[in-house]
Amino acid sequence: MRRVLILALLALALPLSAFASSSVDFGNVGGTLSGTSAGLSLTGSTLATVNGLNGGGLVTGNLGTVTFTTGALASGSLDMGGTFAAGGSFTVTGNGTNGIPNGVIFSGTFSGPVAWTLITLPDGTHNYTLTGTLSGTLGSFATNGVTVQLTVNTGKGFFNGSVNLASGDTNIVVPEPGTLGLLGTGLVGIAGLVRRKLKMG
């Protein structure tokens, strides 16, 4: 009985230590956003901030790269704003700096339409924002409802196929520690039932 109690406590503690927060936030800067009606792509963007990865706090610096491609333009236009189809790819890669893993941290795809919105500022310059929802994997966890927003400024002109990225933010919701704890408890309970059944049989 004592052994079962110790195993139950371990099953509860391990998942809780995996994630101390319920979300991970990645910030990126720079890089080139280019596109045609076949889709947009981001290359050369620096992963500059990571917050909440493996329960950690805010980490800053040159931490890796963020790259993506979207599906094809489904409506609207590149210069006036529109919508890109689901699909493409989105990858966050760490470079091993400041405790960030070396290799792919998040890999996913746009799970729904991607909005490409033109905003005209009071000074006559133009901002474009790209917003979408991703699904993919963060480490060994499958994730849904990942949100991404990127901003570019084209000055007084419009997007003409290539522009430098101002900033990007990707927020990933990870399984709640309480949910993981319940999963661990359930697995221990099932193991206990199986053990009892084997003893009786």
C-alpha atoms as a PDB file:
ATOM      1  CA  MET A   1       0.000   0.000   0.000  1.00  0.00           C
ATOM      2  CA  ARG A   2       2.826   2.343   0.897  1.00  0.00           C
ATOM      3  CA  ARG A   3       4.500   1.682  -2.454  1.00  0.00           C
ATOM      4  CA  VAL A   4       1.286   2.554  -4.309  1.00  0.00           C
ATOM      5  CA  LEU A   5       1.002   5.825  -2.349  1.00  0.00           C
ATOM      6  CA  ILE A   6       4.597   6.798  -3.246  1.00  0.00           C
ATOM      7  CA  LEU A   7       3.952   6.001  -6.921  1.00  0.00           C
ATOM      8  CA  ALA A   8       0.784   8.123  -6.840  1.00  0.00           C
ATOM      9  CA  LEU A   9       2.672  11.087  -5.395  1.00  0.00           C
ATOM     10  CA  LEU A  10       5.378  10.743  -8.056  1.00  0.00           C
ATOM     11  CA  ALA A  11       2.761  10.568 -10.807  1.00  0.00           C
ATOM     12  CA  LEU A  12       1.300  13.837  -9.521  1.00  0.00           C
ATOM     13  CA  ALA A  13       4.652  15.606  -9.057  1.00  0.00           C
ATOM     14  CA  LEU A  14       6.237  14.815 -12.431  1.00  0.00           C
ATOM     15  CA  PRO A  15       3.586  16.425 -14.651  1.00  0.00           C
ATOM     16  CA  LEU A  16       3.362  19.437 -12.341  1.00  0.00           C
ATOM     17  CA  SER A  17       7.090  20.076 -12.673  1.00  0.00           C
ATOM     18  CA  ALA A  18       6.916  19.985 -16.476  1.00  0.00           C
ATOM     19  CA  PHE A  19       5.016  23.286 -16.833  1.00  0.00           C
ATOM     20  CA  ALA A  20       4.628  25.895 -14.097  1.00  0.00           C
ATOM     21  CA  SER A  21       2.561  28.161 -16.339  1.00  0.00           C
ATOM     22  CA  SER A  22      -0.250  27.517 -18.771  1.00  0.00           C
ATOM     23  CA  SER A  23       1.279  29.311 -21.754  1.00  0.00           C
ATOM     24  CA  VAL A  24       4.547  29.853 -23.553  1.00  0.00           C
ATOM     25  CA  ASP A  25       5.188  33.101 -25.403  1.00  0.00           C
ATOM     26  CA  PHE A  26       7.742  33.567 -28.208  1.00  0.00           C
ATOM     27  CA  GLY A  27       8.717  37.026 -29.499  1.00  0.00           C
ATOM     28  CA  ASN A  28      10.638  37.570 -32.728  1.00  0.00           C
ATOM     29  CA  VAL A  29      12.090  40.591 -34.539  1.00  0.00           C
ATOM     30  CA  GLY A  30      13.534  41.352 -37.955  1.00  0.00           C
ATOM     31  CA  GLY A  31      13.703  39.101 -40.957  1.00  0.00           C
ATOM     32  CA  THR A  32      12.147  39.420 -44.385  1.00  0.00           C
ATOM     33  CA  LEU A  33       8.460  38.882 -45.053  1.00  0.00           C
ATOM     34  CA  SER A  34       7.930  38.156 -48.722  1.00  0.00           C
ATOM     35  CA  GLY A  35       4.903  37.025 -50.636  1.00  0.00           C
ATOM     36  CA  THR A  36       2.844  36.550 -53.742  1.00  0.00           C
ATOM     37  CA  SER A  37      -0.678  35.287 -54.273  1.00  0.00           C
ATOM     38  CA  ALA A  38       0.774  31.811 -53.626  1.00  0.00           C
ATOM     39  CA  GLY A  39       1.409  32.772 -49.984  1.00  0.00           C
ATOM     40  CA  LEU A  40       3.602  34.668 -47.533  1.00  0.00           C
ATOM     41  CA  SER A  41       6.896  33.485 -46.061  1.00  0.00           C
ATOM     42  CA  LEU A  42       9.149  34.767 -43.283  1.00  0.00           C
ATOM     43  CA  THR A  43      12.903  34.113 -43.291  1.00  0.00           C
ATOM     44  CA  GLY A  44      15.808  35.386 -41.185  1.00  0.00           C
ATOM     45  CA  SER A  45      13.706  36.442 -38.171  1.00  0.00           C
ATOM     46  CA  THR A  46      15.429  36.309 -34.770  1.00  0.00           C
ATOM     47  CA  LEU A  47      13.789  34.619 -31.786  1.00  0.00           C
ATOM     48  CA  ALA A  48      14.370  37.436 -29.254  1.00  0.00           C
ATOM     49  CA  THR A  49      12.221  36.541 -26.217  1.00  0.00           C
ATOM     50  CA  VAL A  50      10.873  33.333 -24.685  1.00  0.00           C
ATOM     51  CA  ASN A  51       8.611  33.352 -21.634  1.00  0.00           C
ATOM     52  CA  GLY A  52       7.216  30.350 -19.758  1.00  0.00           C
ATOM     53  CA  LEU A  53       9.082  27.549 -21.539  1.00  0.00           C
ATOM     54  CA  ASN A  54       9.328  24.528 -19.183  1.00  0.00           C
ATOM     55  CA  GLY A  55       8.041  26.711 -16.356  1.00  0.00           C
ATOM     56  CA  GLY A  56      10.837  29.270 -16.760  1.00  0.00           C
ATOM     57  CA  GLY A  57      10.608  33.042 -16.745  1.00  0.00           C
ATOM     58  CA  LEU A  58      11.450  35.581 -19.418  1.00  0.00           C
ATOM     59  CA  VAL A  59      14.619  34.906 -21.420  1.00  0.00           C
ATOM     60  CA  THR A  60      15.950  37.484 -23.899  1.00  0.00           C
ATOM     61  CA  GLY A  61      18.716  37.649 -26.483  1.00  0.00           C
ATOM     62  CA  ASN A  62      19.506  36.039 -29.815  1.00  0.00           C
ATOM     63  CA  LEU A  63      17.809  32.735 -28.959  1.00  0.00           C
ATOM     64  CA  GLY A  64      17.156  31.206 -32.378  1.00  0.00           C
ATOM     65  CA  THR A  65      14.910  31.742 -35.399  1.00  0.00           C
ATOM     66  CA  VAL A  66      11.241  31.884 -36.405  1.00  0.00           C
ATOM     67  CA  THR A  67      10.198  30.915 -39.944  1.00  0.00           C
ATOM     68  CA  PHE A  68       6.847  30.318 -41.576  1.00  0.00           C
ATOM     69  CA  THR A  69       4.878  29.973 -44.796  1.00  0.00           C
ATOM     70  CA  THR A  70       1.134  30.431 -45.289  1.00  0.00           C
ATOM     71  CA  GLY A  71      -1.314  28.897 -47.704  1.00  0.00           C
ATOM     72  CA  ALA A  72      -2.321  30.744 -50.873  1.00  0.00           C
ATOM     73  CA  LEU A  73      -4.206  34.058 -50.936  1.00  0.00           C
ATOM     74  CA  ALA A  74      -7.901  33.132 -50.679  1.00  0.00           C
ATOM     75  CA  SER A  75      -9.444  36.614 -50.824  1.00  0.00           C
ATOM     76  CA  GLY A  76      -8.441  40.264 -51.042  1.00  0.00           C
ATOM     77  CA  SER A  77      -5.006  41.393 -52.186  1.00  0.00           C
ATOM     78  CA  LEU A  78      -1.444  41.698 -50.937  1.00  0.00           C
ATOM     79  CA  ASP A  79      -1.463  45.508 -50.949  1.00  0.00           C
ATOM     80  CA  MET A  80      -4.958  46.168 -49.539  1.00  0.00           C
ATOM     81  CA  GLY A  81      -5.271  43.203 -47.152  1.00  0.00           C
ATOM     82  CA  GLY A  82      -6.990  39.861 -47.416  1.00  0.00           C
ATOM     83  CA  THR A  83      -7.075  36.290 -46.182  1.00  0.00           C
ATOM     84  CA  PHE A  84      -4.662  33.416 -46.750  1.00  0.00           C
ATOM     85  CA  ALA A  85      -5.811  29.798 -46.693  1.00  0.00           C
ATOM     86  CA  ALA A  86      -4.915  27.368 -43.920  1.00  0.00           C
ATOM     87  CA  GLY A  87      -1.794  25.267 -44.338  1.00  0.00           C
ATOM     88  CA  GLY A  88       1.838  26.182 -44.696  1.00  0.00           C
ATOM     89  CA  SER A  89       4.265  25.712 -41.833  1.00  0.00           C
ATOM     90  CA  PHE A  90       5.468  27.540 -38.727  1.00  0.00           C
ATOM     91  CA  THR A  91       8.712  26.677 -36.928  1.00  0.00           C
ATOM     92  CA  VAL A  92      10.415  28.083 -33.832  1.00  0.00           C
ATOM     93  CA  THR A  93      14.018  26.868 -33.522  1.00  0.00           C
ATOM     94  CA  GLY A  94      16.295  27.462 -30.529  1.00  0.00           C
ATOM     95  CA  ASN A  95      20.082  27.854 -30.698  1.00  0.00           C
ATOM     96  CA  GLY A  96      20.966  26.599 -27.202  1.00  0.00           C
ATOM     97  CA  THR A  97      21.545  30.090 -25.743  1.00  0.00           C
ATOM     98  CA  ASN A  98      20.535  31.051 -22.162  1.00  0.00           C
ATOM     99  CA  GLY A  99      18.965  27.667 -21.395  1.00  0.00           C
ATOM    100  CA  ILE A 100      16.818  27.578 -24.546  1.00  0.00           C
ATOM    101  CA  PRO A 101      16.917  24.130 -26.244  1.00  0.00           C
ATOM    102  CA  ASN A 102      19.074  23.683 -29.329  1.00  0.00           C
ATOM    103  CA  GLY A 103      16.776  22.549 -32.158  1.00  0.00           C
ATOM    104  CA  VAL A 104      13.092  22.764 -33.045  1.00  0.00           C
ATOM    105  CA  ILE A 105      11.009  23.972 -30.069  1.00  0.00           C
ATOM    106  CA  PHE A 106       7.657  24.329 -31.829  1.00  0.00           C
ATOM    107  CA  SER A 107       6.523  23.012 -35.184  1.00  0.00           C
ATOM    108  CA  GLY A 108       3.043  23.535 -36.566  1.00  0.00           C
ATOM    109  CA  THR A 109       0.767  24.625 -39.355  1.00  0.00           C
ATOM    110  CA  PHE A 110      -1.929  27.272 -39.763  1.00  0.00           C
ATOM    111  CA  SER A 111      -5.158  25.492 -38.847  1.00  0.00           C
ATOM    112  CA  GLY A 112      -7.527  28.154 -40.159  1.00  0.00           C
ATOM    113  CA  PRO A 113      -7.609  31.221 -42.384  1.00  0.00           C
ATOM    114  CA  VAL A 114      -4.811  33.746 -41.838  1.00  0.00           C
ATOM    115  CA  ALA A 115      -5.870  37.414 -41.760  1.00  0.00           C
ATOM    116  CA  TRP A 116      -3.656  39.972 -43.552  1.00  0.00           C
ATOM    117  CA  THR A 117      -4.912  43.389 -42.403  1.00  0.00           C
ATOM    118  CA  LEU A 118      -3.940  46.841 -43.681  1.00  0.00           C
ATOM    119  CA  ILE A 119      -3.968  49.663 -41.109  1.00  0.00           C
ATOM    120  CA  THR A 120      -3.432  53.269 -42.202  1.00  0.00           C
ATOM    121  CA  LEU A 121      -1.931  55.324 -39.376  1.00  0.00           C
ATOM    122  CA  PRO A 122      -2.695  59.033 -38.753  1.00  0.00           C
ATOM    123  CA  ASP A 123       0.676  60.054 -40.249  1.00  0.00           C
ATOM    124  CA  GLY A 124      -0.216  58.341 -43.545  1.00  0.00           C
ATOM    125  CA  THR A 125       2.084  55.337 -43.092  1.00  0.00           C
ATOM    126  CA  HIS A 126       0.823  51.768 -43.410  1.00  0.00           C
ATOM    127  CA  ASN A 127       1.052  48.855 -41.015  1.00  0.00           C
ATOM    128  CA  TYR A 128       0.077  45.326 -41.926  1.00  0.00           C
ATOM    129  CA  THR A 129      -0.727  42.699 -39.316  1.00  0.00           C
ATOM    130  CA  LEU A 130      -0.789  38.973 -39.915  1.00  0.00           C
ATOM    131  CA  THR A 131      -2.897  37.002 -37.431  1.00  0.00           C
ATOM    132  CA  GLY A 132      -3.724  33.322 -37.416  1.00  0.00           C
ATOM    133  CA  THR A 133      -4.213  30.180 -35.386  1.00  0.00           C
ATOM    134  CA  LEU A 134      -1.789  27.256 -35.392  1.00  0.00           C
ATOM    135  CA  SER A 135      -1.835  23.660 -34.306  1.00  0.00           C
ATOM    136  CA  GLY A 136       1.330  21.640 -33.819  1.00  0.00           C
ATOM    137  CA  THR A 137       3.719  20.290 -31.214  1.00  0.00           C
ATOM    138  CA  LEU A 138       5.663  21.984 -28.419  1.00  0.00           C
ATOM    139  CA  GLY A 139       8.225  19.399 -27.350  1.00  0.00           C
ATOM    140  CA  SER A 140       6.165  16.243 -26.841  1.00  0.00           C
ATOM    141  CA  PHE A 141       2.863  18.083 -26.298  1.00  0.00           C
ATOM    142  CA  ALA A 142       0.268  18.471 -29.052  1.00  0.00           C
ATOM    143  CA  THR A 143      -1.097  22.012 -29.029  1.00  0.00           C
ATOM    144  CA  ASN A 144      -4.165  23.665 -30.540  1.00  0.00           C
ATOM    145  CA  GLY A 145      -5.313  27.262 -30.481  1.00  0.00           C
ATOM    146  CA  VAL A 146      -1.832  28.693 -30.819  1.00  0.00           C
ATOM    147  CA  THR A 147      -2.096  32.368 -31.813  1.00  0.00           C
ATOM    148  CA  VAL A 148       0.411  34.335 -33.857  1.00  0.00           C
ATOM    149  CA  GLN A 149       0.502  38.036 -34.692  1.00  0.00           C
ATOM    150  CA  LEU A 150       3.148  39.792 -36.780  1.00  0.00           C
ATOM    151  CA  THR A 151       3.459  43.460 -37.703  1.00  0.00           C
ATOM    152  CA  VAL A 152       5.228  45.144 -40.627  1.00  0.00           C
ATOM    153  CA  ASN A 153       5.466  48.822 -41.542  1.00  0.00           C
ATOM    154  CA  THR A 154       5.752  49.817 -45.199  1.00  0.00           C
ATOM    155  CA  GLY A 155       6.013  53.564 -44.658  1.00  0.00           C
ATOM    156  CA  LYS A 156       3.781  55.598 -46.981  1.00  0.00           C
ATOM    157  CA  GLY A 157       3.846  52.866 -49.609  1.00  0.00           C
ATOM    158  CA  PHE A 158       1.950  49.587 -49.748  1.00  0.00           C
ATOM    159  CA  PHE A 159       3.226  46.023 -49.479  1.00  0.00           C
ATOM    160  CA  ASN A 160       4.975  45.265 -52.773  1.00  0.00           C
ATOM    161  CA  GLY A 161       6.141  41.697 -52.251  1.00  0.00           C
ATOM    162  CA  SER A 162       8.909  42.093 -49.665  1.00  0.00           C
ATOM    163  CA  VAL A 163       9.338  44.038 -46.407  1.00  0.00           C
ATOM    164  CA  ASN A 164      11.296  43.838 -43.146  1.00  0.00           C
ATOM    165  CA  LEU A 165       9.359  42.452 -40.196  1.00  0.00           C
ATOM    166  CA  ALA A 166       8.932  44.824 -37.236  1.00  0.00           C
ATOM    167  CA  SER A 167       7.864  42.292 -34.594  1.00  0.00           C
ATOM    168  CA  GLY A 168       6.054  39.042 -34.012  1.00  0.00           C
ATOM    169  CA  ASP A 169       4.397  37.308 -31.071  1.00  0.00           C
ATOM    170  CA  THR A 170       3.392  33.648 -30.804  1.00  0.00           C
ATOM    171  CA  ASN A 171       1.422  32.425 -27.786  1.00  0.00           C
ATOM    172  CA  ILE A 172       1.084  28.707 -27.120  1.00  0.00           C
ATOM    173  CA  VAL A 173      -1.332  27.344 -24.534  1.00  0.00           C
ATOM    174  CA  VAL A 174       0.060  24.214 -22.894  1.00  0.00           C
ATOM    175  CA  PRO A 175      -1.895  21.635 -20.864  1.00  0.00           C
ATOM    176  CA  GLU A 176      -2.818  22.970 -17.420  1.00  0.00           C
ATOM    177  CA  PRO A 177      -0.809  21.445 -14.537  1.00  0.00           C
ATOM    178  CA  GLY A 178      -4.096  20.475 -12.854  1.00  0.00           C
ATOM    179  CA  THR A 179      -5.189  18.548 -15.934  1.00  0.00           C
ATOM    180  CA  LEU A 180      -1.857  16.747 -16.082  1.00  0.00           C
ATOM    181  CA  GLY A 181      -2.126  15.923 -12.386  1.00  0.00           C
ATOM    182  CA  LEU A 182      -5.579  14.428 -12.906  1.00  0.00           C
ATOM    183  CA  LEU A 183      -4.216  12.382 -15.795  1.00  0.00           C
ATOM    184  CA  GLY A 184      -1.428  11.054 -13.555  1.00  0.00           C
ATOM    185  CA  THR A 185      -3.918  10.186 -10.808  1.00  0.00           C
ATOM    186  CA  GLY A 186      -6.173   8.380 -13.288  1.00  0.00           C
ATOM    187  CA  LEU A 187      -3.277   6.319 -14.620  1.00  0.00           C
ATOM    188  CA  VAL A 188      -2.265   5.297 -11.073  1.00  0.00           C
ATOM    189  CA  GLY A 189      -5.879   4.292 -10.370  1.00  0.00           C
ATOM    190  CA  ILE A 190      -6.028   2.127 -13.488  1.00  0.00           C
ATOM    191  CA  ALA A 191      -2.701   0.521 -12.608  1.00  0.00           C
ATOM    192  CA  GLY A 192      -4.074  -0.300  -9.147  1.00  0.00           C
ATOM    193  CA  LEU A 193      -7.183  -1.929 -10.595  1.00  0.00           C
ATOM    194  CA  VAL A 194      -5.125  -4.016 -13.008  1.00  0.00           C
ATOM    195  CA  ARG A 195      -2.801  -5.110 -10.182  1.00  0.00           C
ATOM    196  CA  ARG A 196      -5.744  -6.108  -7.965  1.00  0.00           C
ATOM    197  CA  LYS A 197      -7.333  -8.031 -10.848  1.00  0.00           C
ATOM    198  CA  LEU A 198      -4.081  -9.919 -11.488  1.00  0.00           C
ATOM    199  CA  LYS A 199      -3.713 -10.802  -7.789  1.00  0.00           C
ATOM    200  CA  MET A 200      -7.293 -12.126  -7.593  1.00  0.00           C
ATOM    201  CA  GLY A 201      -7.016 -14.084 -10.841  1.00  0.00           C
END
